[in-house]
Amino acid sequence: MGIKFRKLTAQGNDYIYIDLRAEGIGNRDWSETAKKLSDRHFGIGADGLVLMLASEAGDVKMRMFNADGSEGKMCGSALRAIVYILEEETGKAEFLVETASGLHKGWKMVIDGEKMVAVSLGQATLESKQSDDDGLLCYVNIGNRHQVRYLNDIDGFDLNARMQELLPEFEGEDWNYEFIEIDKGNMIRMEVWENGSGATLACGTGAGASVFAGWETGRLPKGRIKVSMPGGYVYIEKQSDELILIGGIIEVFRGELSPFI
């Protein structure tokens, strides 16, 4: 019998989820498995693989692997999807998820009649800011590291071409890259290049880092900010000192891995 899996997407940021809490699965090279499964021609196709394991500290432990097999410390999209799965299983109102960057709380929300999942991303830190060819550049740590650059007009922006210039400069460093335009006072538009996955349709921690950079530099007002990405939109707000990521989750399909995987 093969390994059961689910595929869920958060604004196009899609991951494969395998529940190891009850599955009798022996030792496996999950990094190599993530690369095979994420392949969009010979595998299932995804931005990465997420494992759900038993946790003594929370309701579940999350391990997340990027499409290239590298293991990430944090993923806001995967965190919301796991809360979605747990709520479906138990009907509870609130959950704690253990990650490599600590414990994160998650719960259900409804905004304008739409069911969403909210998670705490924890505290963010503005490590530095400077100006470069793209305008203001901010380095933000939010459990993983982000470079946030401001654009005057994101329409027509060539993400792939820009990344071919940036990647050699930061080779070997685990950065995520966001390019944002402030569309309205309480809304930004964002394109993202994720460490280990490349260009993706959305990124939860990237949205959080971008909004936080806007708050810290005075470019965005305090309060809930809408972040529009190629795959959809999320909201970022602040509660106490923690960033809160809010957005919808869609289950795409369920299946069973064939023996060759």
Protein backbone atom coordinates (compact mmCIF):
# COMPACT_ATOMS: atom_id res chain seq x y z
CA MET A 1 0.00 0.00 0.00
CA GLY A 2 1.28 3.46 -0.87
CA ILE A 3 1.56 6.51 1.36
CA LYS A 4 -1.56 8.65 1.57
CA PHE A 5 -1.21 12.38 0.89
CA ARG A 6 -3.26 15.55 0.48
CA LYS A 7 -2.50 18.55 -1.68
CA LEU A 8 -3.65 21.96 -0.45
CA THR A 9 -3.04 25.42 -1.80
CA ALA A 10 -2.87 28.85 -0.19
CA GLN A 11 -3.30 31.46 -2.92
CA GLY A 12 -1.41 29.17 -5.31
CA ASN A 13 1.37 28.41 -2.82
CA ASP A 14 0.77 24.65 -3.08
CA TYR A 15 2.23 21.92 -0.90
CA ILE A 16 1.86 18.16 -0.50
CA TYR A 17 0.91 17.08 3.04
CA ILE A 18 1.72 13.67 4.53
CA ASP A 19 0.42 12.80 7.99
CA LEU A 20 3.03 10.72 9.85
CA ARG A 21 1.22 10.76 13.19
CA ALA A 22 -0.46 7.42 12.52
CA GLU A 23 1.21 6.16 9.33
CA GLY A 24 3.58 3.25 9.85
CA ILE A 25 6.26 4.61 7.55
CA GLY A 26 9.87 3.66 8.13
CA ASN A 27 12.96 5.81 7.70
CA ARG A 28 12.98 7.69 4.43
CA ASP A 29 15.03 10.40 2.75
CA TRP A 30 12.35 13.10 2.90
CA SER A 31 14.58 15.63 1.16
CA GLU A 32 14.84 13.42 -1.92
CA THR A 33 11.15 12.53 -1.63
CA ALA A 34 10.27 16.23 -1.62
CA LYS A 35 12.20 16.78 -4.85
CA LYS A 36 10.49 13.86 -6.59
CA LEU A 37 6.98 14.74 -5.44
CA SER A 38 7.33 18.46 -6.20
CA ASP A 39 8.33 17.87 -9.82
CA ARG A 40 5.44 19.19 -11.94
CA HIS A 41 6.11 16.76 -14.80
CA PHE A 42 7.18 13.51 -13.12
CA GLY A 43 5.69 13.98 -9.65
CA ILE A 44 2.56 15.42 -8.10
CA GLY A 45 3.74 18.98 -8.59
CA ALA A 46 4.09 21.47 -5.73
CA ASP A 47 6.18 24.17 -4.12
CA GLY A 48 7.27 21.58 -1.56
CA LEU A 49 6.41 18.84 0.90
CA VAL A 50 5.04 19.22 4.44
CA LEU A 51 5.11 16.47 7.07
CA MET A 52 2.76 16.32 10.05
CA LEU A 53 4.28 14.58 13.09
CA ALA A 54 3.34 14.00 16.72
CA SER A 55 4.32 16.82 19.07
CA GLU A 56 4.68 17.02 22.83
CA ALA A 57 4.70 20.82 22.73
CA GLY A 58 1.68 21.44 20.47
CA ASP A 59 -1.14 19.75 18.60
CA VAL A 60 1.18 18.72 15.78
CA LYS A 61 4.75 19.21 14.59
CA MET A 62 5.40 20.55 11.08
CA ARG A 63 8.45 19.80 8.93
CA MET A 64 8.57 21.64 5.62
CA PHE A 65 10.78 20.86 2.60
CA ASN A 66 11.16 23.15 -0.41
CA ALA A 67 10.88 21.88 -3.99
CA ASP A 68 14.68 21.56 -4.20
CA GLY A 69 14.75 19.30 -1.12
CA SER A 70 16.10 21.88 1.31
CA GLU A 71 14.33 22.04 4.67
CA GLY A 72 12.74 25.34 5.66
CA LYS A 73 12.34 26.71 9.16
CA MET A 74 8.96 28.31 8.62
CA CYS A 75 6.16 28.60 6.05
CA GLY A 76 3.04 30.69 6.65
CA SER A 77 1.07 29.01 3.86
CA ALA A 78 1.82 25.51 5.17
CA LEU A 79 1.08 26.62 8.72
CA ARG A 80 -2.40 27.79 7.70
CA ALA A 81 -3.05 24.59 5.74
CA ILE A 82 -2.16 22.45 8.76
CA VAL A 83 -4.55 24.45 10.94
CA TYR A 84 -7.20 23.92 8.24
CA ILE A 85 -6.60 20.14 8.42
CA LEU A 86 -6.66 20.08 12.23
CA GLU A 87 -9.88 22.09 12.40
CA GLU A 88 -11.50 19.71 9.93
CA GLU A 89 -10.40 16.74 12.05
CA THR A 90 -11.33 18.00 15.49
CA GLY A 91 -13.65 21.00 15.21
CA LYS A 92 -11.56 22.78 17.84
CA ALA A 93 -11.31 26.55 17.71
CA GLU A 94 -7.57 27.01 18.24
CA PHE A 95 -4.37 25.06 17.70
CA LEU A 96 -0.65 25.14 18.45
CA VAL A 97 1.74 24.01 15.72
CA GLU A 98 5.37 23.21 16.48
CA THR A 99 7.85 24.35 13.82
CA ALA A 100 11.61 24.73 13.51
CA SER A 101 11.11 28.42 14.37
CA GLY A 102 9.00 27.75 17.48
CA LEU A 103 5.34 27.32 18.41
CA HIS A 104 2.69 29.12 16.35
CA LYS A 105 -0.99 29.57 17.15
CA GLY A 106 -3.74 29.15 14.54
CA TRP A 107 -7.51 29.65 14.47
CA LYS A 108 -10.51 30.19 12.19
CA MET A 109 -11.67 33.62 11.05
CA VAL A 110 -14.41 35.06 8.85
CA ILE A 111 -13.79 38.29 6.92
CA ASP A 112 -16.57 39.76 4.77
CA GLY A 113 -18.38 36.43 4.89
CA GLU A 114 -15.34 34.45 3.67
CA LYS A 115 -13.95 31.62 5.82
CA MET A 116 -10.25 32.02 6.44
CA VAL A 117 -7.46 30.70 8.63
CA ALA A 118 -5.37 32.98 10.81
CA VAL A 119 -1.94 32.10 12.21
CA SER A 120 0.60 33.91 14.30
CA LEU A 121 3.90 34.35 12.49
CA GLY A 122 5.58 35.53 15.68
CA GLN A 123 7.74 38.61 16.03
CA ALA A 124 9.59 40.14 13.10
CA THR A 125 12.88 42.02 13.18
CA LEU A 126 14.08 44.71 10.78
CA GLU A 127 17.76 43.81 10.51
CA SER A 128 18.71 46.71 8.25
CA LYS A 129 17.52 49.05 5.51
CA GLN A 130 19.29 50.78 2.65
CA SER A 131 18.69 52.14 -0.83
CA ASP A 132 19.65 50.33 -4.01
CA ASP A 133 18.58 50.40 -7.67
CA ASP A 134 15.07 49.18 -6.72
CA GLY A 135 14.56 51.90 -4.12
CA LEU A 136 14.38 51.15 -0.41
CA LEU A 137 15.64 47.69 0.53
CA CYS A 138 14.78 46.09 3.89
CA TYR A 139 16.21 42.94 5.45
CA VAL A 140 13.59 41.27 7.64
CA ASN A 141 13.78 38.18 9.85
CA ILE A 142 10.44 36.51 10.59
CA GLY A 143 11.62 33.00 11.46
CA ASN A 144 13.11 32.94 7.96
CA ARG A 145 14.95 35.74 6.13
CA HIS A 146 13.53 38.15 3.56
CA GLN A 147 14.79 40.93 1.32
CA VAL A 148 11.98 43.41 0.62
CA ARG A 149 12.39 45.85 -2.27
CA TYR A 150 10.01 48.66 -3.26
CA LEU A 151 8.94 49.27 -6.86
CA ASN A 152 7.24 52.33 -8.30
CA ASP A 153 5.24 50.15 -10.72
CA ILE A 154 5.06 46.37 -10.45
CA ASP A 155 3.24 45.97 -13.78
CA GLY A 156 5.69 44.69 -16.34
CA PHE A 157 8.28 43.86 -13.69
CA ASP A 158 10.41 40.90 -14.85
CA LEU A 159 10.95 38.82 -11.72
CA ASN A 160 13.02 36.12 -13.41
CA ALA A 161 15.38 38.61 -15.04
CA ARG A 162 15.91 40.49 -11.76
CA MET A 163 16.59 37.27 -9.87
CA GLN A 164 19.24 36.23 -12.36
CA GLU A 165 21.09 39.36 -11.24
CA LEU A 166 20.49 38.87 -7.51
CA LEU A 167 21.03 35.14 -7.03
CA PRO A 168 24.78 35.13 -7.84
CA GLU A 169 25.25 38.03 -5.41
CA PHE A 170 23.68 36.10 -2.53
CA GLU A 171 24.69 32.56 -3.53
CA GLY A 172 24.66 30.14 -0.61
CA GLU A 173 22.47 32.39 1.54
CA ASP A 174 18.92 31.37 2.47
CA TRP A 175 17.05 34.52 1.44
CA ASN A 176 13.48 34.95 0.24
CA TYR A 177 12.93 37.94 -2.06
CA GLU A 178 9.86 40.20 -2.23
CA PHE A 179 9.20 43.05 -4.65
CA ILE A 180 6.29 45.25 -3.65
CA GLU A 181 4.32 48.26 -4.79
CA ILE A 182 2.11 50.20 -2.40
CA ASP A 183 -1.17 50.24 -4.32
CA LYS A 184 -3.34 52.03 -1.78
CA GLY A 185 -2.86 53.17 1.78
CA ASN A 186 -3.88 49.79 3.17
CA MET A 187 -2.93 47.49 0.27
CA ILE A 188 0.26 46.33 -1.40
CA ARG A 189 0.97 44.25 -4.51
CA MET A 190 3.77 41.71 -4.21
CA GLU A 191 5.80 39.28 -6.29
CA VAL A 192 7.98 36.72 -4.56
CA TRP A 193 10.93 34.41 -5.12
CA GLU A 194 11.14 31.78 -2.39
CA ASN A 195 14.32 30.17 -1.15
CA GLY A 196 14.42 26.61 -2.45
CA SER A 197 11.35 26.94 -4.69
CA GLY A 198 11.92 29.96 -6.96
CA ALA A 199 9.04 32.09 -8.23
CA THR A 200 5.80 31.20 -6.45
CA LEU A 201 2.26 32.57 -6.66
CA ALA A 202 2.20 33.52 -2.99
CA CYS A 203 4.20 33.49 0.24
CA GLY A 204 2.72 33.96 3.71
CA THR A 205 5.90 34.91 5.54
CA GLY A 206 6.85 37.11 2.57
CA ALA A 207 3.57 38.99 2.94
CA GLY A 208 4.27 39.42 6.64
CA ALA A 209 7.83 40.61 6.06
CA SER A 210 6.72 43.08 3.39
CA VAL A 211 4.00 44.64 5.53
CA PHE A 212 6.31 44.77 8.54
CA ALA A 213 8.92 46.58 6.45
CA GLY A 214 6.24 49.05 5.37
CA TRP A 215 5.24 49.72 8.98
CA GLU A 216 8.85 50.11 10.14
CA THR A 217 9.71 52.58 7.38
CA GLY A 218 6.48 54.57 7.72
CA ARG A 219 5.25 53.64 4.23
CA LEU A 220 2.17 51.78 5.47
CA PRO A 221 -0.36 52.76 8.14
CA LYS A 222 -0.77 50.64 11.23
CA GLY A 223 -3.72 48.25 11.03
CA ARG A 224 -4.83 45.43 8.74
CA ILE A 225 -3.10 45.44 5.34
CA LYS A 226 -4.24 43.52 2.27
CA VAL A 227 -1.45 41.86 0.28
CA SER A 228 -2.28 41.03 -3.35
CA MET A 229 -0.09 38.38 -4.99
CA PRO A 230 -0.25 36.59 -8.37
CA GLY A 231 -2.25 33.72 -6.80
CA GLY A 232 -4.61 35.73 -4.62
CA TYR A 233 -4.58 37.83 -1.47
CA VAL A 234 -4.01 37.59 2.27
CA TYR A 235 -4.24 40.01 5.17
CA ILE A 236 -1.56 40.98 7.66
CA GLU A 237 -2.29 42.59 11.00
CA LYS A 238 -0.57 42.93 14.33
CA GLN A 239 -1.71 41.64 17.72
CA SER A 240 0.52 42.68 20.61
CA ASP A 241 4.01 42.20 19.14
CA GLU A 242 3.12 39.34 16.81
CA LEU A 243 2.29 39.43 13.10
CA ILE A 244 -0.95 37.67 12.13
CA LEU A 245 -1.38 36.13 8.66
CA ILE A 246 -4.96 35.60 7.46
CA GLY A 247 -6.13 33.93 4.26
CA GLY A 248 -8.15 31.18 2.61
CA ILE A 249 -7.10 27.55 2.09
CA ILE A 250 -8.30 25.18 -0.65
CA GLU A 251 -7.87 21.41 -0.69
CA VAL A 252 -7.00 20.40 -4.25
CA PHE A 253 -7.10 16.59 -4.01
CA ARG A 254 -6.12 13.50 -2.02
CA GLY A 255 -4.30 10.43 -3.21
CA GLU A 256 -1.86 7.62 -2.58
CA LEU A 257 1.75 7.58 -3.69
CA SER A 258 2.72 4.91 -6.19
CA PRO A 259 5.51 2.48 -5.17
CA PHE A 260 8.15 4.18 -7.34
CA ILE A 261 8.14 7.17 -4.99
